[in-house]
């Protein structure tokens, strides 16, 4: 599994991580957690299947580092991760 991080400032209204597989057959699970890059006790988890995306959003997040972690059920070759926050 790989993880990706995003620093979220004070006053952010939301934080979102999105996993977009490149191939229709690819499957992967996205986990979002604040403070630690682990899947244990994730704040959110979402599965991307059959050409869809996996999206995790947390509203009114506490400031700090948020980690997106991907558990690939297939190769996920060419998949993309987008991590954003809104002010």
PDB file of N, CA and C in Angstrom:
ATOM      1  N   UNK A   1       0.842  -1.179   0.000  1.00  0.00           N
ATOM      2  CA  UNK A   1       0.000   0.000   0.000  1.00  0.00           C
ATOM      3  C   UNK A   1       0.886   1.241   0.000  1.00  0.00           C
ATOM      4  N   UNK A   2       0.416   2.252  -0.688  1.00  0.00           N
ATOM      5  CA  UNK A   2       1.099   3.543  -0.692  1.00  0.00           C
ATOM      6  C   UNK A   2       0.222   4.555   0.014  1.00  0.00           C
ATOM      7  N   UNK A   3       0.860   5.586   0.566  1.00  0.00           N
ATOM      8  CA  UNK A   3       0.060   6.640   1.163  1.00  0.00           C
ATOM      9  C   UNK A   3       0.461   7.992   0.586  1.00  0.00           C
ATOM     10  N   UNK A   4      -0.456   8.926   0.669  1.00  0.00           N
ATOM     11  CA  UNK A   4      -0.284  10.273   0.162  1.00  0.00           C
ATOM     12  C   UNK A   4      -0.745  11.223   1.257  1.00  0.00           C
ATOM     13  N   UNK A   5      -0.075  12.345   1.403  1.00  0.00           N
ATOM     14  CA  UNK A   5      -0.434  13.248   2.497  1.00  0.00           C
ATOM     15  C   UNK A   5      -0.790  14.636   1.977  1.00  0.00           C
ATOM     16  N   UNK A   6      -1.576  15.337   2.783  1.00  0.00           N
ATOM     17  CA  UNK A   6      -1.985  16.703   2.488  1.00  0.00           C
ATOM     18  C   UNK A   6      -2.073  17.452   3.810  1.00  0.00           C
ATOM     19  N   UNK A   7      -1.391  18.583   3.892  1.00  0.00           N
ATOM     20  CA  UNK A   7      -1.473  19.426   5.080  1.00  0.00           C
ATOM     21  C   UNK A   7      -2.677  20.351   4.940  1.00  0.00           C
ATOM     22  N   UNK A   8      -3.560  20.301   5.912  1.00  0.00           N
ATOM     23  CA  UNK A   8      -4.799  21.080   5.895  1.00  0.00           C
ATOM     24  C   UNK A   8      -4.680  22.206   6.918  1.00  0.00           C
ATOM     25  N   UNK A   9      -4.873  23.456   6.469  1.00  0.00           N
ATOM     26  CA  UNK A   9      -4.706  24.594   7.375  1.00  0.00           C
ATOM     27  C   UNK A   9      -5.925  24.840   8.258  1.00  0.00           C
ATOM     28  N   UNK A  10      -5.741  25.700   9.243  1.00  0.00           N
ATOM     29  CA  UNK A  10      -6.836  26.155  10.099  1.00  0.00           C
ATOM     30  C   UNK A  10      -7.882  26.832   9.215  1.00  0.00           C
ATOM     31  N   UNK A  11      -9.143  26.574   9.479  1.00  0.00           N
ATOM     32  CA  UNK A  11     -10.226  27.225   8.756  1.00  0.00           C
ATOM     33  C   UNK A  11     -10.697  26.506   7.507  1.00  0.00           C
ATOM     34  N   UNK A  12     -10.081  25.369   7.169  1.00  0.00           N
ATOM     35  CA  UNK A  12     -10.532  24.626   5.985  1.00  0.00           C
ATOM     36  C   UNK A  12     -11.953  24.122   6.210  1.00  0.00           C
ATOM     37  N   UNK A  13     -12.748  24.162   5.160  1.00  0.00           N
ATOM     38  CA  UNK A  13     -14.141  23.713   5.260  1.00  0.00           C
ATOM     39  C   UNK A  13     -14.285  22.211   4.988  1.00  0.00           C
ATOM     40  N   UNK A  14     -13.369  21.661   4.160  1.00  0.00           N
ATOM     41  CA  UNK A  14     -13.409  20.225   3.891  1.00  0.00           C
ATOM     42  C   UNK A  14     -12.064  19.769   3.333  1.00  0.00           C
ATOM     43  N   UNK A  15     -11.828  18.466   3.427  1.00  0.00           N
ATOM     44  CA  UNK A  15     -10.674  17.826   2.804  1.00  0.00           C
ATOM     45  C   UNK A  15     -11.205  16.619   2.040  1.00  0.00           C
ATOM     46  N   UNK A  16     -10.712  16.452   0.798  1.00  0.00           N
ATOM     47  CA  UNK A  16     -11.191  15.368  -0.061  1.00  0.00           C
ATOM     48  C   UNK A  16     -10.025  14.664  -0.724  1.00  0.00           C
ATOM     49  N   UNK A  17     -10.041  13.342  -0.708  1.00  0.00           N
ATOM     50  CA  UNK A  17      -9.115  12.512  -1.468  1.00  0.00           C
ATOM     51  C   UNK A  17      -9.956  11.700  -2.453  1.00  0.00           C
ATOM     52  N   UNK A  18      -9.499  11.618  -3.704  1.00  0.00           N
ATOM     53  CA  UNK A  18     -10.204  10.853  -4.730  1.00  0.00           C
ATOM     54  C   UNK A  18      -9.235   9.922  -5.442  1.00  0.00           C
ATOM     55  N   UNK A  19      -9.620   8.664  -5.570  1.00  0.00           N
ATOM     56  CA  UNK A  19      -8.873   7.647  -6.318  1.00  0.00           C
ATOM     57  C   UNK A  19      -9.607   7.402  -7.626  1.00  0.00           C
ATOM     58  N   UNK A  20      -8.902   7.564  -8.750  1.00  0.00           N
ATOM     59  CA  UNK A  20      -9.503   7.340 -10.066  1.00  0.00           C
ATOM     60  C   UNK A  20      -8.689   6.291 -10.817  1.00  0.00           C
ATOM     61  N   UNK A  21      -9.186   5.042 -10.859  1.00  0.00           N
ATOM     62  CA  UNK A  21      -8.496   4.009 -11.623  1.00  0.00           C
ATOM     63  C   UNK A  21      -8.490   4.340 -13.118  1.00  0.00           C
ATOM     64  N   UNK A  22      -7.443   3.913 -13.815  1.00  0.00           N
ATOM     65  CA  UNK A  22      -7.329   4.177 -15.248  1.00  0.00           C
ATOM     66  C   UNK A  22      -8.109   3.167 -16.085  1.00  0.00           C
ATOM     67  N   UNK A  23      -8.296   1.969 -15.573  1.00  0.00           N
ATOM     68  CA  UNK A  23      -8.959   0.909 -16.338  1.00  0.00           C
ATOM     69  C   UNK A  23     -10.293   0.533 -15.697  1.00  0.00           C
ATOM     70  N   UNK A  24     -11.242   0.193 -16.526  1.00  0.00           N
ATOM     71  CA  UNK A  24     -12.586  -0.168 -16.069  1.00  0.00           C
ATOM     72  C   UNK A  24     -12.549  -1.325 -15.068  1.00  0.00           C
ATOM     73  N   UNK A  25     -11.667  -2.278 -15.286  1.00  0.00           N
ATOM     74  CA  UNK A  25     -11.624  -3.486 -14.443  1.00  0.00           C
ATOM     75  C   UNK A  25     -10.865  -3.289 -13.136  1.00  0.00           C
ATOM     76  N   UNK A  26     -10.182  -2.173 -12.976  1.00  0.00           N
ATOM     77  CA  UNK A  26      -9.391  -1.962 -11.761  1.00  0.00           C
ATOM     78  C   UNK A  26     -10.278  -1.714 -10.547  1.00  0.00           C
ATOM     79  N   UNK A  27      -9.835  -2.238  -9.414  1.00  0.00           N
ATOM     80  CA  UNK A  27     -10.549  -2.101  -8.146  1.00  0.00           C
ATOM     81  C   UNK A  27      -9.541  -1.702  -7.074  1.00  0.00           C
ATOM     82  N   UNK A  28      -9.918  -0.743  -6.248  1.00  0.00           N
ATOM     83  CA  UNK A  28      -9.042  -0.330  -5.153  1.00  0.00           C
ATOM     84  C   UNK A  28      -9.842   0.321  -4.050  1.00  0.00           C
ATOM     85  N   UNK A  29      -9.324   0.218  -2.844  1.00  0.00           N
ATOM     86  CA  UNK A  29      -9.967   0.835  -1.695  1.00  0.00           C
ATOM     87  C   UNK A  29      -9.129   2.020  -1.229  1.00  0.00           C
ATOM     88  N   UNK A  30      -9.801   3.152  -1.027  1.00  0.00           N
ATOM     89  CA  UNK A  30      -9.171   4.373  -0.556  1.00  0.00           C
ATOM     90  C   UNK A  30      -9.529   4.573   0.906  1.00  0.00           C
ATOM     91  N   UNK A  31      -8.528   4.865   1.720  1.00  0.00           N
ATOM     92  CA  UNK A  31      -8.731   5.160   3.135  1.00  0.00           C
ATOM     93  C   UNK A  31      -8.236   6.576   3.406  1.00  0.00           C
ATOM     94  N   UNK A  32      -8.946   7.316   4.225  1.00  0.00           N
ATOM     95  CA  UNK A  32      -8.538   8.659   4.618  1.00  0.00           C
ATOM     96  C   UNK A  32      -8.487   8.720   6.137  1.00  0.00           C
ATOM     97  N   UNK A  33      -7.373   9.237   6.644  1.00  0.00           N
ATOM     98  CA  UNK A  33      -7.216   9.317   8.099  1.00  0.00           C
ATOM     99  C   UNK A  33      -6.378  10.533   8.446  1.00  0.00           C
ATOM    100  N   UNK A  34      -6.729  11.187   9.520  1.00  0.00           N
ATOM    101  CA  UNK A  34      -5.930  12.317   9.992  1.00  0.00           C
ATOM    102  C   UNK A  34      -4.859  11.816  10.948  1.00  0.00           C
ATOM    103  N   UNK A  35      -3.685  12.435  10.865  1.00  0.00           N
ATOM    104  CA  UNK A  35      -2.638  12.187  11.842  1.00  0.00           C
ATOM    105  C   UNK A  35      -1.746  10.992  11.644  1.00  0.00           C
ATOM    106  N   UNK A  36      -2.170   9.974  10.893  1.00  0.00           N
ATOM    107  CA  UNK A  36      -1.369   8.759  10.766  1.00  0.00           C
ATOM    108  C   UNK A  36      -1.709   8.033   9.459  1.00  0.00           C
ATOM    109  N   UNK A  37      -0.689   7.574   8.727  1.00  0.00           N
ATOM    110  CA  UNK A  37      -0.943   6.894   7.453  1.00  0.00           C
ATOM    111  C   UNK A  37      -1.258   5.409   7.625  1.00  0.00           C
ATOM    112  N   UNK A  38      -2.379   5.109   8.233  1.00  0.00           N
ATOM    113  CA  UNK A  38      -2.764   3.716   8.436  1.00  0.00           C
ATOM    114  C   UNK A  38      -4.220   3.525   8.043  1.00  0.00           C
ATOM    115  N   UNK A  39      -4.610   2.305   7.785  1.00  0.00           N
ATOM    116  CA  UNK A  39      -6.010   2.005   7.469  1.00  0.00           C
ATOM    117  C   UNK A  39      -6.808   1.704   8.728  1.00  0.00           C
ATOM    118  N   UNK A  40      -6.119   1.507   9.822  1.00  0.00           N
ATOM    119  CA  UNK A  40      -6.807   1.200  11.082  1.00  0.00           C
ATOM    120  C   UNK A  40      -7.555   2.431  11.576  1.00  0.00           C
ATOM    121  N   UNK A  41      -8.812   2.254  11.917  1.00  0.00           N
ATOM    122  CA  UNK A  41      -9.654   3.353  12.396  1.00  0.00           C
ATOM    123  C   UNK A  41      -9.683   4.528  11.426  1.00  0.00           C
ATOM    124  N   UNK A  42      -9.775   4.225  10.135  1.00  0.00           N
ATOM    125  CA  UNK A  42      -9.827   5.277   9.119  1.00  0.00           C
ATOM    126  C   UNK A  42     -11.046   6.165   9.339  1.00  0.00           C
ATOM    127  N   UNK A  43     -10.884   7.455   9.061  1.00  0.00           N
ATOM    128  CA  UNK A  43     -11.997   8.388   9.161  1.00  0.00           C
ATOM    129  C   UNK A  43     -13.000   8.164   8.033  1.00  0.00           C
ATOM    130  N   UNK A  44     -12.521   7.593   6.924  1.00  0.00           N
ATOM    131  CA  UNK A  44     -13.374   7.324   5.764  1.00  0.00           C
ATOM    132  C   UNK A  44     -12.722   6.222   4.940  1.00  0.00           C
ATOM    133  N   UNK A  45     -13.560   5.413   4.303  1.00  0.00           N
ATOM    134  CA  UNK A  45     -13.062   4.457   3.319  1.00  0.00           C
ATOM    135  C   UNK A  45     -14.074   4.364   2.191  1.00  0.00           C
ATOM    136  N   UNK A  46     -13.551   4.198   0.970  1.00  0.00           N
ATOM    137  CA  UNK A  46     -14.395   4.156  -0.219  1.00  0.00           C
ATOM    138  C   UNK A  46     -13.749   3.230  -1.240  1.00  0.00           C
ATOM    139  N   UNK A  47     -14.554   2.506  -1.999  1.00  0.00           N
ATOM    140  CA  UNK A  47     -14.056   1.537  -2.977  1.00  0.00           C
ATOM    141  C   UNK A  47     -14.355   2.020  -4.390  1.00  0.00           C
ATOM    142  N   UNK A  48     -13.339   1.941  -5.251  1.00  0.00           N
ATOM    143  CA  UNK A  48     -13.496   2.254  -6.673  1.00  0.00           C
ATOM    144  C   UNK A  48     -13.661   0.942  -7.431  1.00  0.00           C
ATOM    145  N   UNK A  49     -14.787   0.790  -8.139  1.00  0.00           N
ATOM    146  CA  UNK A  49     -15.048  -0.417  -8.927  1.00  0.00           C
ATOM    147  C   UNK A  49     -15.674  -0.052 -10.264  1.00  0.00           C
ATOM    148  N   UNK A  50     -15.419  -0.895 -11.243  1.00  0.00           N
ATOM    149  CA  UNK A  50     -16.048  -0.805 -12.569  1.00  0.00           C
ATOM    150  C   UNK A  50     -16.045   0.590 -13.171  1.00  0.00           C
ATOM    151  N   UNK A  51     -14.885   1.192 -13.212  1.00  0.00           N
ATOM    152  CA  UNK A  51     -14.738   2.489 -13.852  1.00  0.00           C
ATOM    153  C   UNK A  51     -15.118   3.676 -12.999  1.00  0.00           C
ATOM    154  N   UNK A  52     -15.575   3.436 -11.773  1.00  0.00           N
ATOM    155  CA  UNK A  52     -15.950   4.534 -10.888  1.00  0.00           C
ATOM    156  C   UNK A  52     -14.768   5.024 -10.079  1.00  0.00           C
ATOM    157  N   UNK A  53     -14.988   6.089  -9.341  1.00  0.00           N
ATOM    158  CA  UNK A  53     -13.955   6.624  -8.468  1.00  0.00           C
ATOM    159  C   UNK A  53     -14.302   6.336  -7.012  1.00  0.00           C
ATOM    160  N   UNK A  54     -13.285   6.389  -6.178  1.00  0.00           N
ATOM    161  CA  UNK A  54     -13.475   6.292  -4.726  1.00  0.00           C
ATOM    162  C   UNK A  54     -13.193   7.678  -4.164  1.00  0.00           C
ATOM    163  N   UNK A  55     -14.119   8.199  -3.372  1.00  0.00           N
ATOM    164  CA  UNK A  55     -13.957   9.547  -2.823  1.00  0.00           C
ATOM    165  C   UNK A  55     -14.228   9.545  -1.327  1.00  0.00           C
ATOM    166  N   UNK A  56     -13.338  10.197  -0.589  1.00  0.00           N
ATOM    167  CA  UNK A  56     -13.515  10.402   0.846  1.00  0.00           C
ATOM    168  C   UNK A  56     -13.438  11.890   1.127  1.00  0.00           C
ATOM    169  N   UNK A  57     -14.453  12.401   1.807  1.00  0.00           N
ATOM    170  CA  UNK A  57     -14.501  13.814   2.172  1.00  0.00           C
ATOM    171  C   UNK A  57     -14.790  13.943   3.658  1.00  0.00           C
ATOM    172  N   UNK A  58     -14.072  14.827   4.315  1.00  0.00           N
ATOM    173  CA  UNK A  58     -14.318  15.144   5.716  1.00  0.00           C
ATOM    174  C   UNK A  58     -14.667  16.628   5.788  1.00  0.00           C
ATOM    175  N   UNK A  59     -15.829  16.935   6.343  1.00  0.00           N
ATOM    176  CA  UNK A  59     -16.260  18.318   6.503  1.00  0.00           C
ATOM    177  C   UNK A  59     -15.719  18.894   7.806  1.00  0.00           C
ATOM    178  N   UNK A  60     -15.409  20.182   7.777  1.00  0.00           N
ATOM    179  CA  UNK A  60     -14.880  20.893   8.947  1.00  0.00           C
ATOM    180  C   UNK A  60     -13.726  20.138   9.617  1.00  0.00           C
ATOM    181  N   UNK A  61     -12.687  19.817   8.839  1.00  0.00           N
ATOM    182  CA  UNK A  61     -11.583  19.035   9.408  1.00  0.00           C
ATOM    183  C   UNK A  61     -10.748  19.857  10.391  1.00  0.00           C
ATOM    184  N   UNK A  62     -10.206  19.176  11.359  1.00  0.00           N
ATOM    185  CA  UNK A  62      -9.233  19.812  12.246  1.00  0.00           C
ATOM    186  C   UNK A  62      -7.969  20.071  11.427  1.00  0.00           C
ATOM    187  N   UNK A  63      -7.232  21.140  11.723  1.00  0.00           N
ATOM    188  CA  UNK A  63      -5.998  21.368  10.978  1.00  0.00           C
ATOM    189  C   UNK A  63      -4.986  20.264  11.265  1.00  0.00           C
ATOM    190  N   UNK A  64      -4.161  19.968  10.273  1.00  0.00           N
ATOM    191  CA  UNK A  64      -3.140  18.941  10.438  1.00  0.00           C
ATOM    192  C   UNK A  64      -2.905  18.189   9.151  1.00  0.00           C
ATOM    193  N   UNK A  65      -2.197  17.090   9.253  1.00  0.00           N
ATOM    194  CA  UNK A  65      -1.875  16.272   8.090  1.00  0.00           C
ATOM    195  C   UNK A  65      -2.898  15.154   7.937  1.00  0.00           C
ATOM    196  N   UNK A  66      -3.405  15.016   6.718  1.00  0.00           N
ATOM    197  CA  UNK A  66      -4.356  13.959   6.386  1.00  0.00           C
ATOM    198  C   UNK A  66      -3.677  13.020   5.403  1.00  0.00           C
ATOM    199  N   UNK A  67      -3.930  11.733   5.597  1.00  0.00           N
ATOM    200  CA  UNK A  67      -3.279  10.710   4.785  1.00  0.00           C
ATOM    201  C   UNK A  67      -4.305   9.911   4.012  1.00  0.00           C
ATOM    202  N   UNK A  68      -4.078   9.810   2.716  1.00  0.00           N
ATOM    203  CA  UNK A  68      -4.857   8.915   1.873  1.00  0.00           C
ATOM    204  C   UNK A  68      -4.019   7.691   1.625  1.00  0.00           C
ATOM    205  N   UNK A  69      -4.620   6.548   1.768  1.00  0.00           N
ATOM    206  CA  UNK A  69      -3.906   5.291   1.569  1.00  0.00           C
ATOM    207  C   UNK A  69      -4.716   4.423   0.625  1.00  0.00           C
ATOM    208  N   UNK A  70      -4.049   3.770  -0.305  1.00  0.00           N
ATOM    209  CA  UNK A  70      -4.724   2.960  -1.309  1.00  0.00           C
ATOM    210  C   UNK A  70      -4.342   1.500  -1.140  1.00  0.00           C
ATOM    211  N   UNK A  71      -5.364   0.653  -1.062  1.00  0.00           N
ATOM    212  CA  UNK A  71      -5.173  -0.790  -1.048  1.00  0.00           C
ATOM    213  C   UNK A  71      -5.646  -1.304  -2.403  1.00  0.00           C
ATOM    214  N   UNK A  72      -4.716  -1.652  -3.303  1.00  0.00           N
ATOM    215  CA  UNK A  72      -5.120  -2.092  -4.635  1.00  0.00           C
ATOM    216  C   UNK A  72      -5.593  -3.549  -4.627  1.00  0.00           C
ATOM    217  N   UNK A  73      -6.786  -3.768  -5.157  1.00  0.00           N
ATOM    218  CA  UNK A  73      -7.291  -5.129  -5.315  1.00  0.00           C
ATOM    219  C   UNK A  73      -6.898  -5.693  -6.665  1.00  0.00           C
ATOM    220  N   UNK A  74      -6.524  -4.792  -7.580  1.00  0.00           N
ATOM    221  CA  UNK A  74      -5.967  -5.152  -8.883  1.00  0.00           C
ATOM    222  C   UNK A  74      -4.742  -4.261  -9.087  1.00  0.00           C
ATOM    223  N   UNK A  75      -4.147  -4.300 -10.261  1.00  0.00           N
ATOM    224  CA  UNK A  75      -2.888  -3.581 -10.499  1.00  0.00           C
ATOM    225  C   UNK A  75      -2.991  -2.064 -10.326  1.00  0.00           C
ATOM    226  N   UNK A  76      -4.111  -1.474 -10.660  1.00  0.00           N
ATOM    227  CA  UNK A  76      -4.310  -0.017 -10.603  1.00  0.00           C
ATOM    228  C   UNK A  76      -3.242   0.747 -11.375  1.00  0.00           C
ATOM    229  N   UNK A  77      -2.760   0.171 -12.459  1.00  0.00           N
ATOM    230  CA  UNK A  77      -1.757   0.835 -13.284  1.00  0.00           C
ATOM    231  C   UNK A  77      -2.343   2.104 -13.892  1.00  0.00           C
ATOM    232  N   UNK A  78      -1.670   3.214 -13.689  1.00  0.00           N
ATOM    233  CA  UNK A  78      -2.120   4.482 -14.244  1.00  0.00           C
ATOM    234  C   UNK A  78      -3.190   5.186 -13.433  1.00  0.00           C
ATOM    235  N   UNK A  79      -3.525   4.669 -12.267  1.00  0.00           N
ATOM    236  CA  UNK A  79      -4.536   5.307 -11.417  1.00  0.00           C
ATOM    237  C   UNK A  79      -4.006   6.645 -10.912  1.00  0.00           C
ATOM    238  N   UNK A  80      -4.921   7.560 -10.598  1.00  0.00           N
ATOM    239  CA  UNK A  80      -4.523   8.857 -10.060  1.00  0.00           C
ATOM    240  C   UNK A  80      -5.178   9.089  -8.702  1.00  0.00           C
ATOM    241  N   UNK A  81      -4.485   9.885  -7.899  1.00  0.00           N
ATOM    242  CA  UNK A  81      -5.003  10.324  -6.588  1.00  0.00           C
ATOM    243  C   UNK A  81      -5.025  11.852  -6.629  1.00  0.00           C
ATOM    244  N   UNK A  82      -6.144  12.412  -6.217  1.00  0.00           N
ATOM    245  CA  UNK A  82      -6.255  13.866  -6.103  1.00  0.00           C
ATOM    246  C   UNK A  82      -6.610  14.178  -4.659  1.00  0.00           C
ATOM    247  N   UNK A  83      -5.827  15.054  -4.041  1.00  0.00           N
ATOM    248  CA  UNK A  83      -6.073  15.460  -2.655  1.00  0.00           C
ATOM    249  C   UNK A  83      -6.243  16.975  -2.623  1.00  0.00           C
ATOM    250  N   UNK A  84      -7.372  17.440  -2.085  1.00  0.00           N
ATOM    251  CA  UNK A  84      -7.653  18.878  -2.045  1.00  0.00           C
ATOM    252  C   UNK A  84      -8.304  19.261  -0.721  1.00  0.00           C
ATOM    253  N   UNK A  85      -8.254  20.543  -0.417  1.00  0.00           N
ATOM    254  CA  UNK A  85      -9.047  21.084   0.665  1.00  0.00           C
ATOM    255  C   UNK A  85      -9.684  22.371   0.178  1.00  0.00           C
ATOM    256  N   UNK A  86     -10.809  22.748   0.780  1.00  0.00           N
ATOM    257  CA  UNK A  86     -11.465  23.998   0.439  1.00  0.00           C
ATOM    258  C   UNK A  86     -11.404  24.917   1.631  1.00  0.00           C
ATOM    259  N   UNK A  87     -11.252  26.204   1.357  1.00  0.00           N
ATOM    260  CA  UNK A  87     -11.184  27.217   2.413  1.00  0.00           C
ATOM    261  C   UNK A  87     -12.539  27.825   2.625  1.00  0.00           C
TER     262      UNK A  87
END
